[in-house]
Protein backbone atom coordinates (compact mmCIF):
# COMPACT_ATOMS: atom_id res chain seq x y z
CA MET A 1 -90.67 28.21 73.14
CA THR A 2 -93.31 25.98 71.63
CA GLU A 3 -96.97 26.46 70.76
CA THR A 4 -99.57 24.60 72.82
CA ALA A 5 -99.89 21.20 71.16
CA ILE A 6 -103.15 19.28 70.96
CA THR A 7 -102.61 15.56 70.64
CA PRO A 8 -105.12 13.47 68.65
CA TRP A 9 -108.09 12.40 70.78
CA THR A 10 -108.49 8.63 70.96
CA ARG A 11 -110.73 8.28 74.02
CA GLN A 12 -114.50 8.36 74.37
CA PRO A 13 -115.83 11.95 74.24
CA VAL A 14 -116.83 13.43 77.57
CA ARG A 15 -120.61 13.81 77.74
CA VAL A 16 -121.29 17.38 78.90
CA GLY A 17 -124.52 19.01 79.98
CA LEU A 18 -124.80 22.79 79.63
CA VAL A 19 -126.53 24.97 82.22
CA GLY A 20 -127.60 28.26 80.68
CA ALA A 21 -128.84 29.41 77.29
CA GLY A 22 -127.91 33.08 77.12
CA PRO A 23 -125.63 34.83 74.61
CA TRP A 24 -122.38 33.43 76.07
CA ALA A 25 -123.81 29.91 76.29
CA ARG A 26 -124.81 30.05 72.61
CA ALA A 27 -121.76 31.86 71.28
CA MET A 28 -119.11 29.86 73.09
CA HIS A 29 -120.10 26.99 75.38
CA ALA A 30 -122.58 25.09 73.21
CA ARG A 31 -120.58 25.57 70.03
CA MET A 32 -117.28 24.60 71.65
CA LEU A 33 -118.61 21.52 73.44
CA ALA A 34 -120.49 20.24 70.39
CA ALA A 35 -117.48 20.62 68.10
CA GLY A 36 -115.60 17.71 69.69
CA PRO A 37 -114.01 15.29 69.28
CA GLU A 38 -113.09 15.46 72.97
CA THR A 39 -116.57 16.41 74.17
CA GLN A 40 -120.19 15.82 73.23
CA LEU A 41 -122.97 18.25 74.11
CA THR A 42 -125.63 15.89 75.43
CA ALA A 43 -128.16 18.16 77.15
CA VAL A 44 -129.05 21.80 77.82
CA TRP A 45 -131.06 23.15 80.72
CA ALA A 46 -132.11 26.74 81.34
CA ARG A 47 -134.88 28.34 83.33
CA ARG A 48 -136.40 29.52 80.03
CA THR A 49 -137.28 26.38 78.07
CA GLU A 50 -137.51 28.25 74.77
CA ALA A 51 -133.96 29.52 75.12
CA ALA A 52 -132.72 26.02 75.98
CA GLN A 53 -134.43 24.67 72.86
CA GLU A 54 -132.77 27.31 70.67
CA THR A 55 -129.37 26.51 72.16
CA ALA A 56 -129.69 22.72 71.94
CA ALA A 57 -131.37 22.36 68.54
CA PRO A 58 -128.37 23.09 66.24
CA TYR A 59 -126.42 20.26 67.89
CA GLY A 60 -129.14 17.68 68.41
CA ALA A 61 -128.77 17.91 72.18
CA ARG A 62 -131.52 17.00 74.63
CA VAL A 63 -133.49 19.79 76.31
CA ALA A 64 -133.66 18.85 79.98
CA ALA A 65 -136.86 19.65 81.82
CA SER A 66 -134.96 20.22 85.08
CA PHE A 67 -131.45 20.54 86.43
CA GLU A 68 -131.80 17.07 87.94
CA GLU A 69 -132.70 15.64 84.52
CA LEU A 70 -129.65 17.30 83.01
CA LEU A 71 -127.45 15.56 85.59
CA ASP A 72 -128.95 12.22 84.55
CA HIS A 73 -127.65 12.66 80.98
CA CYS A 74 -124.05 13.82 81.42
CA GLU A 75 -120.78 13.11 83.18
CA ALA A 76 -119.64 16.75 83.28
CA VAL A 77 -121.49 20.06 83.60
CA ALA A 78 -120.59 23.38 82.01
CA PHE A 79 -122.01 26.54 83.53
CA ALA A 80 -122.88 29.68 81.53
CA VAL A 81 -125.10 31.45 84.05
CA PRO A 82 -124.81 34.39 86.48
CA PRO A 83 -122.37 33.76 89.38
CA SER A 84 -125.15 33.45 91.96
CA VAL A 85 -126.79 30.63 89.97
CA GLN A 86 -123.47 28.85 89.42
CA ALA A 87 -122.73 29.01 93.17
CA GLU A 88 -126.14 27.50 93.90
CA LEU A 89 -126.06 24.65 91.37
CA ALA A 90 -122.40 23.65 90.99
CA PRO A 91 -122.19 22.08 94.50
CA LEU A 92 -125.24 19.95 93.66
CA ALA A 93 -123.56 18.72 90.48
CA ALA A 94 -120.35 18.00 92.39
CA LYS A 95 -122.27 15.91 94.92
CA ARG A 96 -123.56 13.85 91.98
CA GLY A 97 -119.94 13.22 90.95
CA LYS A 98 -119.97 15.47 87.88
CA ALA A 99 -116.85 17.24 86.62
CA LEU A 100 -117.37 21.00 86.42
CA LEU A 101 -116.47 23.60 83.79
CA LEU A 102 -116.90 26.83 85.74
CA GLU A 103 -117.19 30.46 84.76
CA LYS A 104 -115.54 33.35 86.54
CA PRO A 105 -116.16 34.61 89.13
CA LEU A 106 -117.11 31.47 91.01
CA ALA A 107 -119.76 33.39 92.95
CA LEU A 108 -120.88 36.89 93.87
CA ASP A 109 -119.25 36.70 97.30
CA LEU A 110 -116.45 34.86 99.05
CA PRO A 111 -118.54 32.64 101.38
CA SER A 112 -120.50 31.27 98.41
CA ALA A 113 -117.27 30.60 96.50
CA GLU A 114 -115.83 28.82 99.55
CA ARG A 115 -118.92 26.61 99.83
CA LEU A 116 -118.61 25.69 96.15
CA VAL A 117 -114.95 24.69 96.54
CA ASP A 118 -115.70 22.79 99.75
CA ALA A 119 -118.30 20.76 97.83
CA VAL A 120 -115.78 20.09 95.05
CA ASP A 121 -113.14 18.96 97.55
CA GLU A 122 -115.57 16.71 99.38
CA ALA A 123 -116.75 15.08 96.15
CA GLY A 124 -113.25 14.88 94.65
CA VAL A 125 -114.44 15.94 91.19
CA VAL A 126 -112.37 17.55 88.44
CA THR A 127 -112.91 21.26 87.81
CA GLN A 128 -111.70 23.77 85.26
CA LEU A 129 -112.13 27.53 85.06
CA VAL A 130 -113.03 29.37 81.87
CA LEU A 131 -110.40 32.12 81.94
CA THR A 132 -110.54 32.54 78.18
CA LYS A 133 -107.24 34.27 77.48
CA ARG A 134 -105.26 31.72 79.50
CA TYR A 135 -105.88 29.11 76.81
CA HIS A 136 -104.26 31.11 74.01
CA PRO A 137 -100.65 30.25 73.09
CA VAL A 138 -99.71 33.96 73.07
CA THR A 139 -100.82 34.30 76.69
CA ARG A 140 -98.92 31.21 77.71
CA ARG A 141 -95.72 32.43 76.08
CA PHE A 142 -96.11 35.78 77.82
CA ILE A 143 -96.47 34.15 81.26
CA GLU A 144 -93.49 31.86 80.62
CA GLU A 145 -91.31 34.84 79.67
CA ALA A 146 -92.64 36.94 82.55
CA GLN A 147 -91.70 34.32 85.11
CA ARG A 148 -88.06 34.66 84.01
CA LEU A 149 -88.18 38.45 84.43
CA ASP A 150 -87.31 40.21 87.67
CA VAL A 151 -90.45 42.37 87.71
CA ILE A 152 -90.39 45.54 89.80
CA GLY A 153 -93.55 47.17 88.44
CA ALA A 154 -96.46 46.67 86.08
CA ARG A 155 -99.40 48.49 84.60
CA SER A 156 -102.38 46.94 82.90
CA CYS A 157 -105.90 47.56 81.64
CA TYR A 158 -109.01 45.75 80.51
CA LEU A 159 -111.48 48.12 78.89
CA HIS A 160 -114.62 47.63 76.83
CA GLY A 161 -118.08 49.11 76.31
CA ALA A 162 -120.29 46.09 76.96
CA PHE A 163 -122.03 47.76 79.91
CA LEU A 164 -123.35 50.45 77.57
CA GLY A 165 -125.78 48.03 75.89
CA GLY A 166 -126.06 44.82 73.96
CA ASP A 167 -126.15 41.12 74.82
CA PHE A 168 -123.59 41.32 77.61
CA ALA A 169 -125.12 44.26 79.48
CA THR A 170 -126.72 41.67 81.76
CA SER A 171 -128.33 42.48 85.09
CA TRP A 172 -125.62 40.96 87.30
CA ARG A 173 -122.87 42.84 85.44
CA LEU A 174 -124.72 46.15 85.63
CA GLU A 175 -125.49 45.64 89.32
CA HIS A 176 -122.09 44.42 90.52
CA GLY A 177 -119.84 46.16 88.02
CA VAL A 178 -116.52 45.65 86.41
CA LEU A 179 -114.56 44.29 89.36
CA LEU A 180 -116.40 40.95 89.34
CA ASP A 181 -116.69 40.80 85.56
CA LEU A 182 -113.26 41.81 84.25
CA GLY A 183 -111.32 41.71 87.51
CA PRO A 184 -110.75 37.94 87.51
CA HIS A 185 -109.10 38.05 84.07
CA LEU A 186 -106.70 40.88 84.81
CA LEU A 187 -105.87 39.83 88.38
CA ASP A 188 -105.16 36.32 87.15
CA LEU A 189 -102.72 37.61 84.55
CA LEU A 190 -100.95 39.93 87.01
CA ASP A 191 -100.80 37.25 89.70
CA ALA A 192 -99.30 34.73 87.26
CA ALA A 193 -96.94 37.10 85.42
CA ALA A 194 -95.74 39.63 88.01
CA GLY A 195 -95.79 37.30 91.03
CA PRO A 196 -98.42 36.33 93.62
CA ILE A 197 -100.50 39.30 94.79
CA VAL A 198 -100.38 39.76 98.57
CA ASP A 199 -102.36 42.98 98.94
CA ILE A 200 -104.74 44.97 96.80
CA ARG A 201 -106.59 48.28 97.02
CA SER A 202 -109.21 49.77 94.75
CA THR A 203 -110.70 53.15 93.99
CA GLY A 204 -113.33 54.43 91.62
CA ASP A 205 -116.82 53.37 90.55
CA ALA A 206 -117.27 49.70 89.59
CA ARG A 207 -119.97 50.72 87.10
CA ARG A 208 -117.75 53.27 85.37
CA TRP A 209 -114.00 52.96 86.05
CA THR A 210 -112.08 51.07 88.73
CA GLU A 211 -108.38 51.40 89.48
CA LEU A 212 -106.55 48.67 91.40
CA THR A 213 -103.15 48.85 93.07
CA CYS A 214 -101.59 45.46 93.77
CA GLU A 215 -98.57 44.59 95.89
CA HIS A 216 -96.81 41.38 94.92
CA GLU A 217 -94.89 38.84 96.98
CA ASN A 218 -91.61 39.79 95.26
CA GLY A 219 -92.04 43.49 96.10
CA ALA A 220 -93.38 44.50 92.70
CA VAL A 221 -96.27 46.97 92.49
CA SER A 222 -98.83 46.87 89.71
CA GLN A 223 -101.75 48.99 88.53
CA ALA A 224 -104.89 47.65 86.85
CA SER A 225 -107.50 49.83 85.14
CA LEU A 226 -110.93 48.30 84.56
CA SER A 227 -113.97 49.66 82.76
CA GLY A 228 -116.98 48.30 80.93
CA ALA A 229 -118.29 51.76 80.11
CA VAL A 230 -115.75 52.90 77.50
CA PRO A 231 -117.20 52.91 73.96
CA ARG A 232 -114.82 50.76 71.92
CA GLU A 233 -115.27 48.56 68.89
CA ARG A 234 -113.01 45.94 70.46
CA ALA A 235 -111.94 45.31 74.04
CA LEU A 236 -108.49 46.53 75.05
CA THR A 237 -106.51 44.14 77.26
CA ARG A 238 -102.88 45.03 77.87
CA VAL A 239 -100.25 44.19 80.49
CA GLU A 240 -96.86 45.91 80.64
CA LEU A 241 -94.18 44.47 82.91
CA PHE A 242 -91.05 46.42 83.85
CA GLY A 243 -87.89 44.95 85.32
CA ARG A 244 -84.14 45.35 85.42
CA GLN A 245 -83.82 43.24 82.24
CA GLY A 246 -86.21 45.49 80.33
CA GLU A 247 -89.93 45.42 79.67
CA LEU A 248 -92.38 42.80 78.45
CA VAL A 249 -95.73 43.67 76.87
CA TYR A 250 -98.83 41.53 76.42
CA ASP A 251 -101.62 42.85 74.20
CA THR A 252 -104.67 40.95 72.95
CA ALA A 253 -105.26 43.21 69.95
CA GLU A 254 -104.03 40.58 67.50
CA ILE A 255 -105.33 37.53 69.40
CA ASP A 256 -108.03 35.43 67.77
CA HIS A 257 -110.07 34.06 70.65
CA GLU A 258 -111.31 31.24 68.43
CA GLU A 259 -107.88 29.69 68.97
CA CYS A 260 -108.63 29.33 72.70
CA TRP A 261 -111.62 27.00 72.43
CA PRO A 262 -109.95 23.83 71.07
CA ILE A 263 -107.27 24.08 73.77
CA LEU A 264 -109.81 24.70 76.54
CA ARG A 265 -111.97 21.79 75.36
CA HIS A 266 -109.03 19.40 75.00
CA GLU A 267 -107.58 20.24 78.42
CA PHE A 268 -110.95 19.89 80.14
CA ALA A 269 -111.63 16.51 78.55
CA THR A 270 -108.10 15.35 79.35
CA ALA A 271 -108.56 16.38 82.98
CA VAL A 272 -111.89 14.54 83.20
CA ARG A 273 -110.54 11.35 81.65
CA SER A 274 -107.35 11.40 83.75
CA GLY A 275 -109.11 12.47 86.95
CA ARG A 276 -106.51 15.22 87.47
CA ALA A 277 -107.39 18.90 87.28
CA GLY A 278 -104.90 21.41 85.93
CA ASP A 279 -103.77 24.68 87.50
CA LEU A 280 -106.83 26.59 86.25
CA ASP A 281 -109.28 24.84 88.55
CA ALA A 282 -111.82 25.85 91.19
CA ARG A 283 -109.00 26.55 93.68
CA ARG A 284 -107.58 29.10 91.25
CA GLY A 285 -111.06 30.60 91.08
CA LEU A 286 -111.18 30.78 94.87
CA ARG A 287 -107.84 32.58 95.00
CA LEU A 288 -109.16 35.15 92.54
CA GLN A 289 -112.38 35.49 94.55
CA ARG A 290 -110.34 36.26 97.66
CA LEU A 291 -108.45 38.95 95.78
CA LEU A 292 -111.75 40.42 94.54
CA GLU A 293 -113.09 40.43 98.10
CA ARG A 294 -109.97 42.18 99.38
CA ALA A 295 -110.23 44.76 96.60
CA ALA A 296 -113.90 45.42 97.36
CA LEU A 297 -113.22 45.81 101.08
CA GLY A 298 -110.30 48.12 100.36
CA SER A 299 -112.25 50.46 98.12
């Protein structure tokens, strides 16, 4: 089993425009894209000009006066905005032929996510989904090992206290709850590690605690506990798989998320330059959106 290798970058950096200037845009997107060498942060646009200026200034990036101006100064667009805004603007960028670095969930509802993916398919542009943990070597080793395990059951959780206050207690998260915020991460891991999910039911309060029961294509059953209202110093993400060969545990307690960004950046730039998206693309996001929709309807 090998670590994820990053080959030296010898091509022109991908010129990326950033939509959004909130805490996540500043803490991750702008910093990651400006670090290069695979990408160059060329422009930032946000509905609050002052926030865009604060985000762009440390990296010498242009502050775009409009979304259209941003598109004039990049070949790819990264989104760090609420899902409803991403679903509105990403199809416009796709129609302009821009590659897309998309956040999860793709949208607040399934029809909007489907329209986004339809626009991507029609334009034929490269997309990649920011499912942070998927770019860490520990996660990739776990999924590789899990796919060799005959899983019969699983339990998992993703718990944090961000909804209780602070930068990430944003209006869309507080309104729509933990299913749309944390659900994509945990469902993606279970779907990849325990086998494709074919049915899902939920119970609980999306603003406090949600419990999911998933049935998998191979007959396995998994549980997922989600909460953004548990006071913790650090988020708890854990997946336990059980099978006839024993058990396999994935825990992010010792993971340094800083190790994800170079891999994410390199794979996005490689996809843009090759014209071939990887597995974590908009279609993966649409699959997760369909699972979220099924869970919401089954609650």
